[in-house]
Amino acid sequence: MERNHPEGLRLWRKENALVPPTGAYTSWKNAIPKNWHYTHWTGDRTVNWLESRDKSRPFFLWMSFADPHQPFAPPRPYCDMYDYTEIPDPIPAEDVSAKPPHYRWAHEGKPYGGYNTNENWDNEQFREIVAHYYGLTTFIDDAMGRVFEELARQGLWENTHVVFTSDHGEGLKDHGVAAKPMMSYECVTRVPFYWRNPSGCTPRVYDGVMTHLDLTPTFLDLAGAEPLVGMEGRSFSDILIGERAVHRDAVFVERISVLNGTVMKVKMLITEDWKLLHYGSAP
């Protein structure tokens, strides 16, 4: 933005919002034109690459969006797209007195991990943030739509696998927490995952457990290549075409962070119905 639209840096700032900010956590109506926004730029760069690539060769294209993410500040029309009053209440907070200390820190509003996980949003502010979060997500939908149109224009839509996923979820005040704290809640650990298979298989929803470790082995399998030595994931190409009903019985997740000077280690074993958690540094 600094190179292409230097004026955008000024317009981006919260103090230059389209309307006076309400005080909701990192949330405002961004004054930047949508065509200057980095989500639009990412879509443009992707389309440009598809147009200029060596069309005699197959390709693997990675398109990465920064949003939806703090700050929750979409430009128009996305900042006005969702009615705050229609946003449902978050999942209520529960008693965390018996949980590891970082759960209590979050509910007490103590900054940890570089941000405050409980900004004590009131209901109106919460709904504004979620509406803006939805707007940022729709902005990505539109950018991806332009990429899909370019694939179709080049005759590639029926010959290209398209995968959409994310690295983590977002608290959005579910269970009383914001952001992406080091917790096991579904809103944080469960991520979107869509795979468009051009082979003509019947669209369906798979309810089993998977992990991002399985992506690369699946890409290699579909390309007719062998997995690399030591690769931990396993291909689920047979799930994509409906030849197998279950991919994994469970997945293992772990994370280490330093929170308020305390090293926190969490390990999770996740099945379709249960989570088993172990906090290595918890009392």
C-alpha atoms as a PDB file:
ATOM      1  CA  MET A   1       0.000   0.000   0.000  1.00  0.00           C
ATOM      2  CA  GLU A   2       2.839   2.381   0.838  1.00  0.00           C
ATOM      3  CA  ARG A   3       4.235   1.885  -2.668  1.00  0.00           C
ATOM      4  CA  ASN A   4       1.022   1.782  -4.713  1.00  0.00           C
ATOM      5  CA  HIS A   5      -1.371   3.969  -2.706  1.00  0.00           C
ATOM      6  CA  PRO A   6       0.547   6.071  -0.120  1.00  0.00           C
ATOM      7  CA  GLU A   7      -2.607   8.062   0.661  1.00  0.00           C
ATOM      8  CA  GLY A   8      -4.170   4.788   1.762  1.00  0.00           C
ATOM      9  CA  LEU A   9      -1.965   4.670   4.861  1.00  0.00           C
ATOM     10  CA  ARG A  10      -3.587   7.870   6.122  1.00  0.00           C
ATOM     11  CA  LEU A  11      -7.104   6.759   5.210  1.00  0.00           C
ATOM     12  CA  TRP A  12      -6.524   3.410   6.914  1.00  0.00           C
ATOM     13  CA  ARG A  13      -6.052   4.894  10.374  1.00  0.00           C
ATOM     14  CA  LYS A  14      -8.816   4.571  12.923  1.00  0.00           C
ATOM     15  CA  GLU A  15      -8.999   8.335  13.456  1.00  0.00           C
ATOM     16  CA  ASN A  16      -9.946   8.722   9.773  1.00  0.00           C
ATOM     17  CA  ALA A  17     -12.780   6.183   9.844  1.00  0.00           C
ATOM     18  CA  LEU A  18     -15.885   6.758   7.724  1.00  0.00           C
ATOM     19  CA  VAL A  19     -17.895   7.358  10.904  1.00  0.00           C
ATOM     20  CA  PRO A  20     -16.645   7.990  14.457  1.00  0.00           C
ATOM     21  CA  PRO A  21     -15.542   4.643  15.974  1.00  0.00           C
ATOM     22  CA  THR A  22     -17.738   3.266  18.740  1.00  0.00           C
ATOM     23  CA  GLY A  23     -14.841   2.060  20.881  1.00  0.00           C
ATOM     24  CA  ALA A  24     -15.318  -1.597  19.965  1.00  0.00           C
ATOM     25  CA  TYR A  25     -12.036  -3.517  20.092  1.00  0.00           C
ATOM     26  CA  THR A  26      -9.934  -2.729  16.950  1.00  0.00           C
ATOM     27  CA  SER A  27     -13.142  -2.179  14.976  1.00  0.00           C
ATOM     28  CA  TRP A  28     -14.080   0.674  12.650  1.00  0.00           C
ATOM     29  CA  LYS A  29     -15.461   1.433   9.202  1.00  0.00           C
ATOM     30  CA  ASN A  30     -12.351   1.781   7.066  1.00  0.00           C
ATOM     31  CA  ALA A  31     -12.170   4.846   4.809  1.00  0.00           C
ATOM     32  CA  ILE A  32      -9.790   3.212   2.339  1.00  0.00           C
ATOM     33  CA  PRO A  33     -11.286   2.441  -1.121  1.00  0.00           C
ATOM     34  CA  LYS A  34     -11.820  -1.299  -1.421  1.00  0.00           C
ATOM     35  CA  ASN A  35      -9.599  -1.465  -4.524  1.00  0.00           C
ATOM     36  CA  TRP A  36      -6.657  -0.248  -2.418  1.00  0.00           C
ATOM     37  CA  HIS A  37      -7.177  -2.847   0.313  1.00  0.00           C
ATOM     38  CA  TYR A  38      -4.715  -5.744   0.605  1.00  0.00           C
ATOM     39  CA  THR A  39      -7.491  -8.319   0.147  1.00  0.00           C
ATOM     40  CA  HIS A  40      -8.317  -6.828  -3.259  1.00  0.00           C
ATOM     41  CA  TRP A  41      -4.583  -6.559  -4.037  1.00  0.00           C
ATOM     42  CA  THR A  42      -4.094 -10.275  -3.267  1.00  0.00           C
ATOM     43  CA  GLY A  43      -6.883 -11.161  -5.676  1.00  0.00           C
ATOM     44  CA  ASP A  44      -5.401  -8.886  -8.354  1.00  0.00           C
ATOM     45  CA  ARG A  45      -1.911 -10.351  -7.981  1.00  0.00           C
ATOM     46  CA  THR A  46      -3.298 -13.862  -8.266  1.00  0.00           C
ATOM     47  CA  VAL A  47      -5.283 -13.094 -11.421  1.00  0.00           C
ATOM     48  CA  ASN A  48      -2.241 -11.347 -12.928  1.00  0.00           C
ATOM     49  CA  TRP A  49      -0.078 -14.377 -12.228  1.00  0.00           C
ATOM     50  CA  LEU A  50      -2.594 -16.692 -13.867  1.00  0.00           C
ATOM     51  CA  GLU A  51      -2.608 -14.461 -16.938  1.00  0.00           C
ATOM     52  CA  SER A  52       1.191 -14.247 -17.236  1.00  0.00           C
ATOM     53  CA  ARG A  53       2.248 -17.787 -16.231  1.00  0.00           C
ATOM     54  CA  ASP A  54       3.864 -20.276 -18.592  1.00  0.00           C
ATOM     55  CA  LYS A  55       0.692 -21.898 -19.890  1.00  0.00           C
ATOM     56  CA  SER A  56       2.561 -24.944 -21.178  1.00  0.00           C
ATOM     57  CA  ARG A  57       3.290 -26.130 -17.641  1.00  0.00           C
ATOM     58  CA  PRO A  58       1.101 -27.321 -14.751  1.00  0.00           C
ATOM     59  CA  PHE A  59       1.070 -25.061 -11.715  1.00  0.00           C
ATOM     60  CA  PHE A  60       0.648 -24.935  -7.961  1.00  0.00           C
ATOM     61  CA  LEU A  61      -0.619 -21.556  -6.765  1.00  0.00           C
ATOM     62  CA  TRP A  62      -0.760 -20.454  -3.124  1.00  0.00           C
ATOM     63  CA  MET A  63      -3.006 -17.443  -2.435  1.00  0.00           C
ATOM     64  CA  SER A  64      -2.865 -16.179   1.160  1.00  0.00           C
ATOM     65  CA  PHE A  65      -5.175 -13.562   2.705  1.00  0.00           C
ATOM     66  CA  ALA A  66      -4.327 -11.719   5.928  1.00  0.00           C
ATOM     67  CA  ASP A  67      -8.004 -11.314   6.845  1.00  0.00           C
ATOM     68  CA  PRO A  68     -10.352 -11.928   8.562  1.00  0.00           C
ATOM     69  CA  HIS A  69      -8.115 -10.643  11.329  1.00  0.00           C
ATOM     70  CA  GLN A  70      -7.643  -7.771  13.729  1.00  0.00           C
ATOM     71  CA  PRO A  71      -8.209  -4.952  13.111  1.00  0.00           C
ATOM     72  CA  PHE A  72     -11.839  -5.618  12.236  1.00  0.00           C
ATOM     73  CA  ALA A  73     -11.962  -2.697   9.831  1.00  0.00           C
ATOM     74  CA  PRO A  74     -13.470  -3.531   6.441  1.00  0.00           C
ATOM     75  CA  PRO A  75     -14.001  -0.823   3.806  1.00  0.00           C
ATOM     76  CA  ARG A  76     -17.316  -0.168   2.135  1.00  0.00           C
ATOM     77  CA  PRO A  77     -19.455  -1.924   1.082  1.00  0.00           C
ATOM     78  CA  TYR A  78     -18.318  -4.699   3.447  1.00  0.00           C
ATOM     79  CA  CYS A  79     -18.434  -2.641   6.645  1.00  0.00           C
ATOM     80  CA  ASP A  80     -22.170  -2.042   6.076  1.00  0.00           C
ATOM     81  CA  MET A  81     -23.066  -5.446   4.670  1.00  0.00           C
ATOM     82  CA  TYR A  82     -24.273  -7.203   7.849  1.00  0.00           C
ATOM     83  CA  ASP A  83     -26.863  -5.929  10.309  1.00  0.00           C
ATOM     84  CA  TYR A  84     -25.424  -5.822  13.832  1.00  0.00           C
ATOM     85  CA  THR A  85     -28.828  -6.518  15.353  1.00  0.00           C
ATOM     86  CA  GLU A  86     -29.053  -9.899  13.617  1.00  0.00           C
ATOM     87  CA  ILE A  87     -25.812 -11.246  15.122  1.00  0.00           C
ATOM     88  CA  PRO A  88     -26.604 -14.015  17.668  1.00  0.00           C
ATOM     89  CA  ASP A  89     -25.209 -13.995  21.198  1.00  0.00           C
ATOM     90  CA  PRO A  90     -21.818 -15.666  21.758  1.00  0.00           C
ATOM     91  CA  ILE A  91     -21.418 -18.975  23.580  1.00  0.00           C
ATOM     92  CA  PRO A  92     -21.490 -18.013  27.293  1.00  0.00           C
ATOM     93  CA  ALA A  93     -18.382 -18.147  29.453  1.00  0.00           C
ATOM     94  CA  GLU A  94     -18.137 -20.996  31.932  1.00  0.00           C
ATOM     95  CA  ASP A  95     -16.528 -21.394  35.346  1.00  0.00           C
ATOM     96  CA  VAL A  96     -12.759 -21.568  34.776  1.00  0.00           C
ATOM     97  CA  SER A  97     -11.644 -21.619  38.413  1.00  0.00           C
ATOM     98  CA  ALA A  98     -10.418 -25.219  38.110  1.00  0.00           C
ATOM     99  CA  LYS A  99      -8.773 -24.761  34.710  1.00  0.00           C
ATOM    100  CA  PRO A 100      -5.101 -23.931  33.990  1.00  0.00           C
ATOM    101  CA  PRO A 101      -4.040 -20.373  34.889  1.00  0.00           C
ATOM    102  CA  HIS A 102      -4.148 -18.910  31.384  1.00  0.00           C
ATOM    103  CA  TYR A 103      -7.904 -19.586  31.236  1.00  0.00           C
ATOM    104  CA  ARG A 104      -8.311 -17.452  34.347  1.00  0.00           C
ATOM    105  CA  TRP A 105      -6.010 -14.757  32.964  1.00  0.00           C
ATOM    106  CA  ALA A 106      -8.184 -14.491  29.879  1.00  0.00           C
ATOM    107  CA  HIS A 107     -11.408 -14.162  31.852  1.00  0.00           C
ATOM    108  CA  GLU A 108      -9.833 -11.651  34.222  1.00  0.00           C
ATOM    109  CA  GLY A 109      -8.881  -9.480  31.250  1.00  0.00           C
ATOM    110  CA  LYS A 110      -5.130  -9.758  31.845  1.00  0.00           C
ATOM    111  CA  PRO A 111      -2.988  -9.125  28.767  1.00  0.00           C
ATOM    112  CA  TYR A 112      -1.203 -12.294  27.773  1.00  0.00           C
ATOM    113  CA  GLY A 113       0.577 -13.404  24.662  1.00  0.00           C
ATOM    114  CA  GLY A 114       0.850  -9.775  23.537  1.00  0.00           C
ATOM    115  CA  TYR A 115      -2.864  -8.940  23.611  1.00  0.00           C
ATOM    116  CA  ASN A 116      -5.837  -8.851  25.894  1.00  0.00           C
ATOM    117  CA  THR A 117      -8.096 -11.861  25.424  1.00  0.00           C
ATOM    118  CA  ASN A 118     -11.103 -10.368  27.165  1.00  0.00           C
ATOM    119  CA  GLU A 119     -11.760  -6.777  26.195  1.00  0.00           C
ATOM    120  CA  ASN A 120     -14.995  -6.714  28.192  1.00  0.00           C
ATOM    121  CA  TRP A 121     -16.979  -5.872  25.092  1.00  0.00           C
ATOM    122  CA  ASP A 122     -20.587  -5.002  25.685  1.00  0.00           C
ATOM    123  CA  ASN A 123     -23.160  -6.763  23.518  1.00  0.00           C
ATOM    124  CA  GLU A 124     -23.450  -3.924  21.015  1.00  0.00           C
ATOM    125  CA  GLN A 125     -19.681  -3.761  20.524  1.00  0.00           C
ATOM    126  CA  PHE A 126     -19.497  -7.540  20.209  1.00  0.00           C
ATOM    127  CA  ARG A 127     -22.106  -7.543  17.457  1.00  0.00           C
ATOM    128  CA  GLU A 128     -20.313  -4.760  15.590  1.00  0.00           C
ATOM    129  CA  ILE A 129     -17.053  -6.737  15.654  1.00  0.00           C
ATOM    130  CA  VAL A 130     -18.713  -9.917  14.395  1.00  0.00           C
ATOM    131  CA  ALA A 131     -20.563  -8.036  11.638  1.00  0.00           C
ATOM    132  CA  HIS A 132     -17.260  -6.530  10.502  1.00  0.00           C
ATOM    133  CA  TYR A 133     -15.615  -9.965  10.721  1.00  0.00           C
ATOM    134  CA  TYR A 134     -18.310 -11.311   8.417  1.00  0.00           C
ATOM    135  CA  GLY A 135     -17.706  -8.375   6.077  1.00  0.00           C
ATOM    136  CA  LEU A 136     -13.981  -9.135   5.890  1.00  0.00           C
ATOM    137  CA  THR A 137     -14.838 -12.753   5.091  1.00  0.00           C
ATOM    138  CA  THR A 138     -17.199 -11.731   2.288  1.00  0.00           C
ATOM    139  CA  PHE A 139     -14.460  -9.481   0.891  1.00  0.00           C
ATOM    140  CA  ILE A 140     -12.300 -12.615   0.572  1.00  0.00           C
ATOM    141  CA  ASP A 141     -15.190 -14.456  -1.089  1.00  0.00           C
ATOM    142  CA  ASP A 142     -15.353 -11.749  -3.742  1.00  0.00           C
ATOM    143  CA  ALA A 143     -11.590 -11.819  -4.341  1.00  0.00           C
ATOM    144  CA  MET A 144     -11.656 -15.593  -4.712  1.00  0.00           C
ATOM    145  CA  GLY A 145     -14.599 -15.269  -7.085  1.00  0.00           C
ATOM    146  CA  ARG A 146     -12.474 -13.152  -9.427  1.00  0.00           C
ATOM    147  CA  VAL A 147      -9.791 -15.853  -9.370  1.00  0.00           C
ATOM    148  CA  PHE A 148     -12.363 -18.547 -10.133  1.00  0.00           C
ATOM    149  CA  GLU A 149     -13.637 -16.482 -13.059  1.00  0.00           C
ATOM    150  CA  GLU A 150     -10.104 -16.268 -14.440  1.00  0.00           C
ATOM    151  CA  LEU A 151      -9.659 -20.035 -14.104  1.00  0.00           C
ATOM    152  CA  ALA A 152     -12.906 -20.507 -16.021  1.00  0.00           C
ATOM    153  CA  ARG A 153     -11.885 -17.965 -18.668  1.00  0.00           C
ATOM    154  CA  GLN A 154      -8.713 -19.937 -19.329  1.00  0.00           C
ATOM    155  CA  GLY A 155     -10.614 -23.228 -19.463  1.00  0.00           C
ATOM    156  CA  LEU A 156      -8.981 -24.457 -16.244  1.00  0.00           C
ATOM    157  CA  TRP A 157     -11.998 -24.661 -13.941  1.00  0.00           C
ATOM    158  CA  GLU A 158     -12.682 -28.304 -14.804  1.00  0.00           C
ATOM    159  CA  ASN A 159      -9.021 -29.262 -14.511  1.00  0.00           C
ATOM    160  CA  THR A 160      -7.924 -27.561 -11.288  1.00  0.00           C
ATOM    161  CA  HIS A 161      -8.211 -28.616  -7.657  1.00  0.00           C
ATOM    162  CA  VAL A 162      -9.174 -25.699  -5.411  1.00  0.00           C
ATOM    163  CA  VAL A 163      -8.561 -25.843  -1.650  1.00  0.00           C
ATOM    164  CA  PHE A 164      -9.617 -23.246   0.926  1.00  0.00           C
ATOM    165  CA  THR A 165      -8.585 -23.431   4.566  1.00  0.00           C
ATOM    166  CA  SER A 166      -7.206 -21.316   7.424  1.00  0.00           C
ATOM    167  CA  ASP A 167      -4.527 -21.519  10.104  1.00  0.00           C
ATOM    168  CA  HIS A 168      -6.775 -20.969  13.130  1.00  0.00           C
ATOM    169  CA  GLY A 169     -10.182 -19.798  14.275  1.00  0.00           C
ATOM    170  CA  GLU A 170     -11.225 -16.743  16.281  1.00  0.00           C
ATOM    171  CA  GLY A 171     -12.693 -16.372  19.761  1.00  0.00           C
ATOM    172  CA  LEU A 172     -15.107 -13.491  19.032  1.00  0.00           C
ATOM    173  CA  LYS A 173     -16.179 -13.654  22.682  1.00  0.00           C
ATOM    174  CA  ASP A 174     -17.327 -17.294  22.562  1.00  0.00           C
ATOM    175  CA  HIS A 175     -16.623 -18.756  26.023  1.00  0.00           C
ATOM    176  CA  GLY A 176     -15.754 -15.220  27.113  1.00  0.00           C
ATOM    177  CA  VAL A 177     -12.522 -14.899  25.126  1.00  0.00           C
ATOM    178  CA  ALA A 178     -11.388 -12.837  22.165  1.00  0.00           C
ATOM    179  CA  ALA A 179      -8.729 -13.396  19.528  1.00  0.00           C
ATOM    180  CA  LYS A 180      -7.062 -16.845  19.372  1.00  0.00           C
ATOM    181  CA  PRO A 181      -5.899 -17.698  22.884  1.00  0.00           C
ATOM    182  CA  MET A 182      -4.042 -20.905  23.722  1.00  0.00           C
ATOM    183  CA  MET A 183      -7.205 -22.848  24.442  1.00  0.00           C
ATOM    184  CA  SER A 184      -8.963 -25.903  23.092  1.00  0.00           C
ATOM    185  CA  TYR A 185     -12.304 -24.331  22.209  1.00  0.00           C
ATOM    186  CA  GLU A 186     -13.768 -25.262  18.823  1.00  0.00           C
ATOM    187  CA  CYS A 187     -13.931 -21.608  17.787  1.00  0.00           C
ATOM    188  CA  VAL A 188     -10.114 -21.512  17.929  1.00  0.00           C
ATOM    189  CA  THR A 189      -8.984 -25.009  16.889  1.00  0.00           C
ATOM    190  CA  ARG A 190     -11.564 -25.838  14.215  1.00  0.00           C
ATOM    191  CA  VAL A 191     -10.929 -24.236  10.824  1.00  0.00           C
ATOM    192  CA  PRO A 192     -12.816 -24.020   7.532  1.00  0.00           C
ATOM    193  CA  PHE A 193     -11.826 -26.551   4.915  1.00  0.00           C
ATOM    194  CA  TYR A 194     -13.234 -26.820   1.412  1.00  0.00           C
ATOM    195  CA  TRP A 195     -11.890 -28.890  -1.445  1.00  0.00           C
ATOM    196  CA  ARG A 196     -13.264 -28.611  -4.959  1.00  0.00           C
ATOM    197  CA  ASN A 197     -12.429 -31.784  -6.845  1.00  0.00           C
ATOM    198  CA  PRO A 198     -12.776 -31.279 -10.630  1.00  0.00           C
ATOM    199  CA  SER A 199     -13.184 -35.021 -11.262  1.00  0.00           C
ATOM    200  CA  GLY A 200     -16.967 -34.771 -11.020  1.00  0.00           C
ATOM    201  CA  CYS A 201     -17.441 -36.582  -7.709  1.00  0.00           C
ATOM    202  CA  THR A 202     -20.663 -35.961  -5.797  1.00  0.00           C
ATOM    203  CA  PRO A 203     -20.420 -32.945  -3.435  1.00  0.00           C
ATOM    204  CA  ARG A 204     -20.651 -33.964   0.212  1.00  0.00           C
ATOM    205  CA  VAL A 205     -19.722 -32.999   3.759  1.00  0.00           C
ATOM    206  CA  TYR A 206     -17.100 -35.052   5.594  1.00  0.00           C
ATOM    207  CA  ASP A 207     -17.559 -34.946   9.369  1.00  0.00           C
ATOM    208  CA  GLY A 208     -14.400 -36.818  10.380  1.00  0.00           C
ATOM    209  CA  VAL A 209     -11.176 -35.376  11.797  1.00  0.00           C
ATOM    210  CA  MET A 210      -8.304 -34.194   9.625  1.00  0.00           C
ATOM    211  CA  THR A 211      -5.125 -32.189  10.016  1.00  0.00           C
ATOM    212  CA  HIS A 212      -3.228 -29.783   7.777  1.00  0.00           C
ATOM    213  CA  LEU A 213      -0.362 -32.297   7.840  1.00  0.00           C
ATOM    214  CA  ASP A 214      -2.477 -34.361   5.430  1.00  0.00           C
ATOM    215  CA  LEU A 215      -2.607 -31.691   2.720  1.00  0.00           C
ATOM    216  CA  THR A 216       0.804 -32.134   1.099  1.00  0.00           C
ATOM    217  CA  PRO A 217       0.605 -35.961   0.908  1.00  0.00           C
ATOM    218  CA  THR A 218      -2.804 -35.551  -0.743  1.00  0.00           C
ATOM    219  CA  PHE A 219      -1.446 -33.053  -3.283  1.00  0.00           C
ATOM    220  CA  LEU A 220       1.396 -35.441  -4.123  1.00  0.00           C
ATOM    221  CA  ASP A 221      -0.961 -38.406  -4.365  1.00  0.00           C
ATOM    222  CA  LEU A 222      -3.266 -36.600  -6.786  1.00  0.00           C
ATOM    223  CA  ALA A 223      -0.249 -35.581  -8.877  1.00  0.00           C
ATOM    224  CA  GLY A 224       0.990 -39.178  -9.047  1.00  0.00           C
ATOM    225  CA  ALA A 225       4.075 -38.468  -6.917  1.00  0.00           C
ATOM    226  CA  GLU A 226       5.425 -40.323  -3.895  1.00  0.00           C
ATOM    227  CA  PRO A 227       5.412 -38.666  -0.449  1.00  0.00           C
ATOM    228  CA  LEU A 228       8.743 -37.457   0.888  1.00  0.00           C
ATOM    229  CA  VAL A 229      10.641 -39.570   3.408  1.00  0.00           C
ATOM    230  CA  GLY A 230       9.613 -38.652   6.951  1.00  0.00           C
ATOM    231  CA  MET A 231       6.416 -36.871   5.938  1.00  0.00           C
ATOM    232  CA  GLU A 232       3.967 -37.184   8.839  1.00  0.00           C
ATOM    233  CA  GLY A 233       0.643 -36.671   7.088  1.00  0.00           C
ATOM    234  CA  ARG A 234      -1.336 -39.166   5.066  1.00  0.00           C
ATOM    235  CA  SER A 235      -3.239 -38.725   1.821  1.00  0.00           C
ATOM    236  CA  PHE A 236      -7.023 -38.482   1.924  1.00  0.00           C
ATOM    237  CA  SER A 237      -7.531 -38.593  -1.846  1.00  0.00           C
ATOM    238  CA  ASP A 238      -9.744 -41.660  -1.402  1.00  0.00           C
ATOM    239  CA  ILE A 239     -12.017 -39.619   0.880  1.00  0.00           C
ATOM    240  CA  LEU A 240     -12.348 -36.988  -1.855  1.00  0.00           C
ATOM    241  CA  ILE A 241     -13.674 -39.519  -4.341  1.00  0.00           C
ATOM    242  CA  GLY A 242     -15.821 -41.363  -1.806  1.00  0.00           C
ATOM    243  CA  GLU A 243     -13.885 -44.639  -1.759  1.00  0.00           C
ATOM    244  CA  ARG A 244     -13.373 -44.599   2.016  1.00  0.00           C
ATOM    245  CA  ALA A 245     -15.676 -43.423   4.795  1.00  0.00           C
ATOM    246  CA  VAL A 246     -13.137 -42.694   7.576  1.00  0.00           C
ATOM    247  CA  HIS A 247      -9.757 -41.001   7.194  1.00  0.00           C
ATOM    248  CA  ARG A 248      -8.476 -40.814  10.778  1.00  0.00           C
ATOM    249  CA  ASP A 249      -9.713 -41.933  14.178  1.00  0.00           C
ATOM    250  CA  ALA A 250      -7.963 -39.009  15.879  1.00  0.00           C
ATOM    251  CA  VAL A 251      -5.523 -36.146  15.362  1.00  0.00           C
ATOM    252  CA  PHE A 252      -2.800 -34.843  17.666  1.00  0.00           C
ATOM    253  CA  VAL A 253      -2.309 -31.111  18.274  1.00  0.00           C
ATOM    254  CA  GLU A 254       0.325 -29.372  20.374  1.00  0.00           C
ATOM    255  CA  ARG A 255       1.400 -25.823  21.118  1.00  0.00           C
ATOM    256  CA  ILE A 256       3.961 -24.067  23.311  1.00  0.00           C
ATOM    257  CA  SER A 257       3.758 -20.402  24.309  1.00  0.00           C
ATOM    258  CA  VAL A 258       5.202 -18.123  26.971  1.00  0.00           C
ATOM    259  CA  LEU A 259       2.314 -16.382  28.711  1.00  0.00           C
ATOM    260  CA  ASN A 260       2.865 -13.845  31.484  1.00  0.00           C
ATOM    261  CA  GLY A 261       6.351 -15.289  31.934  1.00  0.00           C
ATOM    262  CA  THR A 262       5.039 -18.852  32.271  1.00  0.00           C
ATOM    263  CA  VAL A 263       5.851 -21.534  29.699  1.00  0.00           C
ATOM    264  CA  MET A 264       2.546 -23.141  28.739  1.00  0.00           C
ATOM    265  CA  LYS A 265       2.491 -26.455  26.880  1.00  0.00           C
ATOM    266  CA  VAL A 266      -0.744 -27.947  25.625  1.00  0.00           C
ATOM    267  CA  LYS A 267      -1.230 -31.284  23.895  1.00  0.00           C
ATOM    268  CA  MET A 268      -4.580 -32.433  22.527  1.00  0.00           C
ATOM    269  CA  LEU A 269      -5.847 -35.716  21.169  1.00  0.00           C
ATOM    270  CA  ILE A 270      -9.019 -35.005  19.181  1.00  0.00           C
ATOM    271  CA  THR A 271     -11.595 -37.516  17.945  1.00  0.00           C
ATOM    272  CA  GLU A 272     -14.977 -36.895  16.356  1.00  0.00           C
ATOM    273  CA  ASP A 273     -16.633 -36.766  19.788  1.00  0.00           C
ATOM    274  CA  TRP A 274     -13.950 -35.985  22.385  1.00  0.00           C
ATOM    275  CA  LYS A 275     -10.841 -33.995  23.231  1.00  0.00           C
ATOM    276  CA  LEU A 276      -8.189 -35.218  25.660  1.00  0.00           C
ATOM    277  CA  LEU A 277      -6.025 -32.326  26.866  1.00  0.00           C
ATOM    278  CA  HIS A 278      -2.773 -32.222  28.802  1.00  0.00           C
ATOM    279  CA  TYR A 279      -1.223 -28.978  30.023  1.00  0.00           C
ATOM    280  CA  GLY A 280       2.421 -29.752  30.725  1.00  0.00           C
ATOM    281  CA  SER A 281       3.100 -26.638  32.806  1.00  0.00           C
ATOM    282  CA  ALA A 282      -0.248 -26.395  34.559  1.00  0.00           C
ATOM    283  CA  PRO A 283      -0.450 -26.983  38.317  1.00  0.00           C
END
